Amino acid sequence: MTTNAASLVPLLSLKELYRLYTSLAAKPGTPVPLSAFKLRHAETEKLFSIFDEDYHISRFFHFHHEHGDEYSINGERVTHVVIDPDIRLIL
């Protein structure tokens, strides 16, 4: 495996992403900084943009623009995300 291949962080599944969100959020409905997911900037933008493009998934994602590192999710500048607990219905 090359150094570049080894340094790539794999994209998370929706289930893994939600599990990570719940471990980071103080309580359900709490905005979590996108930087807290510890992915590279481009990977964060790609991962959340992919989920945001899917209607059945995106309705559970609520992006916010607050103080913090900015990311472009499908052209929208955001810093935080809330993932609705009802997403468990589709996991």
N, C-alpha and C. Protein backbone atom coordinates (compact mmCIF):
# COMPACT_ATOMS: atom_id res chain seq x y z
N MET A 1 0.85 -1.18 0.00
CA MET A 1 0.00 0.00 0.00
C MET A 1 0.89 1.23 0.00
N THR A 2 0.60 2.18 -0.84
CA THR A 2 1.39 3.39 -0.91
C THR A 2 1.07 4.30 0.27
N THR A 3 1.92 5.27 0.50
CA THR A 3 1.67 6.24 1.56
C THR A 3 0.37 6.98 1.32
N ASN A 4 0.12 7.38 0.06
CA ASN A 4 -1.12 8.08 -0.25
C ASN A 4 -2.34 7.22 0.02
N ALA A 5 -2.29 5.96 -0.38
CA ALA A 5 -3.42 5.07 -0.16
C ALA A 5 -3.64 4.83 1.32
N ALA A 6 -2.57 4.70 2.07
CA ALA A 6 -2.69 4.45 3.50
C ALA A 6 -3.25 5.66 4.24
N SER A 7 -3.03 6.86 3.70
CA SER A 7 -3.47 8.06 4.40
C SER A 7 -4.92 8.42 4.11
N LEU A 8 -5.54 7.74 3.15
CA LEU A 8 -6.92 8.04 2.83
C LEU A 8 -7.84 7.49 3.92
N VAL A 9 -8.76 8.31 4.36
CA VAL A 9 -9.75 7.88 5.34
C VAL A 9 -10.96 7.38 4.56
N PRO A 10 -11.41 6.16 4.78
CA PRO A 10 -12.57 5.66 4.03
C PRO A 10 -13.83 6.43 4.42
N LEU A 11 -14.72 6.56 3.46
CA LEU A 11 -16.00 7.21 3.76
C LEU A 11 -16.77 6.32 4.71
N LEU A 12 -17.49 6.93 5.60
CA LEU A 12 -18.28 6.22 6.59
C LEU A 12 -19.63 5.83 6.03
N SER A 13 -20.17 4.73 6.50
CA SER A 13 -21.55 4.38 6.16
C SER A 13 -22.47 5.30 6.96
N LEU A 14 -23.71 5.37 6.56
CA LEU A 14 -24.68 6.20 7.28
C LEU A 14 -24.80 5.73 8.72
N LYS A 15 -24.82 4.44 8.93
CA LYS A 15 -24.92 3.89 10.28
C LYS A 15 -23.71 4.29 11.13
N GLU A 16 -22.51 4.20 10.54
CA GLU A 16 -21.30 4.58 11.27
C GLU A 16 -21.30 6.08 11.56
N LEU A 17 -21.74 6.87 10.60
CA LEU A 17 -21.78 8.32 10.78
C LEU A 17 -22.75 8.68 11.90
N TYR A 18 -23.92 8.05 11.94
CA TYR A 18 -24.88 8.35 12.99
C TYR A 18 -24.35 7.90 14.36
N ARG A 19 -23.69 6.77 14.40
CA ARG A 19 -23.11 6.30 15.67
C ARG A 19 -22.06 7.30 16.15
N LEU A 20 -21.25 7.81 15.25
CA LEU A 20 -20.24 8.80 15.60
C LEU A 20 -20.90 10.09 16.06
N TYR A 21 -21.93 10.53 15.34
CA TYR A 21 -22.67 11.74 15.74
C TYR A 21 -23.20 11.61 17.17
N THR A 22 -23.82 10.47 17.48
CA THR A 22 -24.39 10.31 18.82
C THR A 22 -23.32 10.27 19.91
N SER A 23 -22.13 9.84 19.55
CA SER A 23 -21.04 9.86 20.55
C SER A 23 -20.49 11.27 20.74
N LEU A 24 -20.67 12.15 19.76
CA LEU A 24 -20.15 13.52 19.84
C LEU A 24 -21.18 14.51 20.39
N ALA A 25 -22.45 14.26 20.14
CA ALA A 25 -23.50 15.19 20.56
C ALA A 25 -23.75 15.06 22.06
N ALA A 26 -23.87 16.20 22.72
CA ALA A 26 -24.15 16.19 24.16
C ALA A 26 -25.50 15.53 24.44
N LYS A 27 -26.46 15.77 23.55
CA LYS A 27 -27.80 15.15 23.64
C LYS A 27 -28.40 15.21 22.25
N PRO A 28 -29.42 14.41 21.97
CA PRO A 28 -30.05 14.44 20.64
C PRO A 28 -30.49 15.86 20.27
N GLY A 29 -30.23 16.23 19.05
CA GLY A 29 -30.62 17.56 18.59
C GLY A 29 -29.56 18.63 18.79
N THR A 30 -28.44 18.25 19.37
CA THR A 30 -27.36 19.20 19.60
C THR A 30 -26.51 19.32 18.34
N PRO A 31 -26.28 20.56 17.87
CA PRO A 31 -25.40 20.72 16.72
C PRO A 31 -23.97 20.28 17.05
N VAL A 32 -23.39 19.53 16.15
CA VAL A 32 -22.01 19.04 16.30
C VAL A 32 -21.17 19.68 15.20
N PRO A 33 -20.02 20.25 15.55
CA PRO A 33 -19.16 20.81 14.51
C PRO A 33 -18.72 19.71 13.54
N LEU A 34 -18.74 20.03 12.26
CA LEU A 34 -18.30 19.06 11.27
C LEU A 34 -16.84 18.68 11.49
N SER A 35 -16.06 19.59 12.02
CA SER A 35 -14.65 19.30 12.29
C SER A 35 -14.48 18.22 13.35
N ALA A 36 -15.49 18.02 14.20
CA ALA A 36 -15.41 17.01 15.27
C ALA A 36 -15.40 15.58 14.72
N PHE A 37 -15.81 15.40 13.47
CA PHE A 37 -15.83 14.06 12.88
C PHE A 37 -14.43 13.59 12.50
N LYS A 38 -13.45 14.50 12.57
CA LYS A 38 -12.02 14.18 12.37
C LYS A 38 -11.71 13.58 11.00
N LEU A 39 -12.42 14.05 9.99
CA LEU A 39 -12.12 13.66 8.61
C LEU A 39 -11.37 14.82 7.97
N ARG A 40 -10.67 14.53 6.89
CA ARG A 40 -10.06 15.62 6.13
C ARG A 40 -11.16 16.54 5.64
N HIS A 41 -10.78 17.79 5.41
CA HIS A 41 -11.76 18.79 4.99
C HIS A 41 -12.53 18.33 3.74
N ALA A 42 -11.80 17.91 2.72
CA ALA A 42 -12.45 17.48 1.47
C ALA A 42 -13.32 16.24 1.69
N GLU A 43 -12.88 15.34 2.54
CA GLU A 43 -13.66 14.12 2.80
C GLU A 43 -14.95 14.46 3.54
N THR A 44 -14.88 15.41 4.46
CA THR A 44 -16.08 15.85 5.19
C THR A 44 -17.08 16.44 4.21
N GLU A 45 -16.60 17.31 3.32
CA GLU A 45 -17.50 17.92 2.33
C GLU A 45 -18.11 16.86 1.43
N LYS A 46 -17.31 15.91 0.98
CA LYS A 46 -17.81 14.88 0.08
C LYS A 46 -18.82 13.97 0.78
N LEU A 47 -18.49 13.51 1.98
CA LEU A 47 -19.37 12.59 2.70
C LEU A 47 -20.73 13.22 2.98
N PHE A 48 -20.72 14.43 3.55
CA PHE A 48 -21.99 15.06 3.90
C PHE A 48 -22.75 15.50 2.66
N SER A 49 -22.05 15.87 1.59
CA SER A 49 -22.73 16.24 0.35
C SER A 49 -23.44 15.03 -0.26
N ILE A 50 -22.80 13.87 -0.19
CA ILE A 50 -23.43 12.64 -0.71
C ILE A 50 -24.73 12.36 0.02
N PHE A 51 -24.70 12.42 1.35
CA PHE A 51 -25.92 12.16 2.11
C PHE A 51 -26.96 13.27 1.90
N ASP A 52 -26.49 14.50 1.73
CA ASP A 52 -27.41 15.62 1.52
C ASP A 52 -28.12 15.53 0.18
N GLU A 53 -27.53 14.86 -0.80
CA GLU A 53 -28.13 14.73 -2.12
C GLU A 53 -29.25 13.68 -2.16
N ASP A 54 -29.29 12.82 -1.18
CA ASP A 54 -30.31 11.76 -1.14
C ASP A 54 -31.51 12.24 -0.32
N TYR A 55 -32.65 12.44 -0.98
CA TYR A 55 -33.83 12.98 -0.32
C TYR A 55 -34.21 12.18 0.93
N HIS A 56 -34.16 10.87 0.86
CA HIS A 56 -34.60 10.04 1.98
C HIS A 56 -33.67 10.17 3.18
N ILE A 57 -32.44 10.56 2.94
CA ILE A 57 -31.48 10.75 4.02
C ILE A 57 -31.41 12.21 4.44
N SER A 58 -31.40 13.11 3.47
CA SER A 58 -31.16 14.53 3.76
C SER A 58 -32.20 15.15 4.68
N ARG A 59 -33.40 14.61 4.70
CA ARG A 59 -34.43 15.18 5.57
C ARG A 59 -34.11 14.99 7.05
N PHE A 60 -33.14 14.11 7.36
CA PHE A 60 -32.73 13.90 8.74
C PHE A 60 -31.50 14.73 9.12
N PHE A 61 -30.90 15.40 8.14
CA PHE A 61 -29.70 16.21 8.36
C PHE A 61 -30.10 17.68 8.39
N HIS A 62 -29.67 18.38 9.42
CA HIS A 62 -29.97 19.81 9.57
C HIS A 62 -28.64 20.53 9.77
N PHE A 63 -28.24 21.26 8.74
CA PHE A 63 -26.96 21.95 8.78
C PHE A 63 -27.14 23.36 9.34
N HIS A 64 -26.11 23.82 10.05
CA HIS A 64 -26.12 25.14 10.67
C HIS A 64 -24.83 25.86 10.32
N HIS A 65 -24.91 27.18 10.33
CA HIS A 65 -23.72 27.99 10.16
C HIS A 65 -23.52 28.75 11.47
N GLU A 66 -22.54 28.33 12.22
CA GLU A 66 -22.20 28.95 13.49
C GLU A 66 -20.72 29.28 13.47
N HIS A 67 -20.16 29.55 14.60
CA HIS A 67 -18.73 29.83 14.69
C HIS A 67 -17.96 28.51 14.54
N GLY A 68 -16.95 28.51 13.71
CA GLY A 68 -16.13 27.31 13.55
C GLY A 68 -15.65 27.14 12.13
N ASP A 69 -14.99 26.03 11.88
CA ASP A 69 -14.49 25.72 10.55
C ASP A 69 -15.65 25.57 9.58
N GLU A 70 -15.52 26.23 8.43
CA GLU A 70 -16.58 26.19 7.42
C GLU A 70 -16.32 25.09 6.40
N TYR A 71 -17.41 24.48 5.97
CA TYR A 71 -17.39 23.45 4.94
C TYR A 71 -18.44 23.80 3.91
N SER A 72 -18.23 23.37 2.69
CA SER A 72 -19.21 23.58 1.63
C SER A 72 -19.93 22.25 1.39
N ILE A 73 -21.19 22.22 1.78
CA ILE A 73 -22.01 21.03 1.57
C ILE A 73 -22.99 21.37 0.45
N ASN A 74 -22.72 20.82 -0.72
CA ASN A 74 -23.51 21.11 -1.92
C ASN A 74 -23.69 22.62 -2.12
N GLY A 75 -22.60 23.36 -1.95
CA GLY A 75 -22.60 24.79 -2.21
C GLY A 75 -23.05 25.65 -1.04
N GLU A 76 -23.49 25.05 0.04
CA GLU A 76 -23.93 25.80 1.21
C GLU A 76 -22.81 25.80 2.24
N ARG A 77 -22.49 26.98 2.77
CA ARG A 77 -21.43 27.11 3.78
C ARG A 77 -22.03 26.74 5.14
N VAL A 78 -21.48 25.71 5.77
CA VAL A 78 -21.99 25.23 7.05
C VAL A 78 -20.82 24.92 7.99
N THR A 79 -21.13 24.85 9.27
CA THR A 79 -20.13 24.52 10.27
C THR A 79 -20.54 23.35 11.15
N HIS A 80 -21.84 23.17 11.33
CA HIS A 80 -22.38 22.17 12.26
C HIS A 80 -23.48 21.36 11.60
N VAL A 81 -23.76 20.20 12.19
CA VAL A 81 -24.86 19.36 11.73
C VAL A 81 -25.61 18.79 12.93
N VAL A 82 -26.91 18.66 12.75
CA VAL A 82 -27.76 17.91 13.67
C VAL A 82 -28.33 16.76 12.84
N ILE A 83 -28.21 15.56 13.35
CA ILE A 83 -28.81 14.41 12.68
C ILE A 83 -30.00 13.97 13.52
N ASP A 84 -31.17 14.06 12.93
CA ASP A 84 -32.42 13.74 13.61
C ASP A 84 -32.40 12.27 14.07
N PRO A 85 -32.75 12.00 15.33
CA PRO A 85 -32.76 10.62 15.83
C PRO A 85 -33.68 9.70 15.06
N ASP A 86 -34.68 10.22 14.37
CA ASP A 86 -35.58 9.39 13.58
C ASP A 86 -34.87 8.71 12.41
N ILE A 87 -33.63 9.10 12.15
CA ILE A 87 -32.87 8.46 11.07
C ILE A 87 -32.70 6.96 11.35
N ARG A 88 -32.82 6.59 12.60
CA ARG A 88 -32.70 5.17 12.96
C ARG A 88 -33.72 4.32 12.23
N LEU A 89 -34.82 4.92 11.81
CA LEU A 89 -35.86 4.18 11.09
C LEU A 89 -35.38 3.66 9.74
N ILE A 90 -34.37 4.30 9.17
CA ILE A 90 -33.88 3.86 7.86
C ILE A 90 -32.51 3.18 7.93
N LEU A 91 -31.97 3.05 9.11
CA LEU A 91 -30.65 2.41 9.24
C LEU A 91 -30.76 0.90 9.20
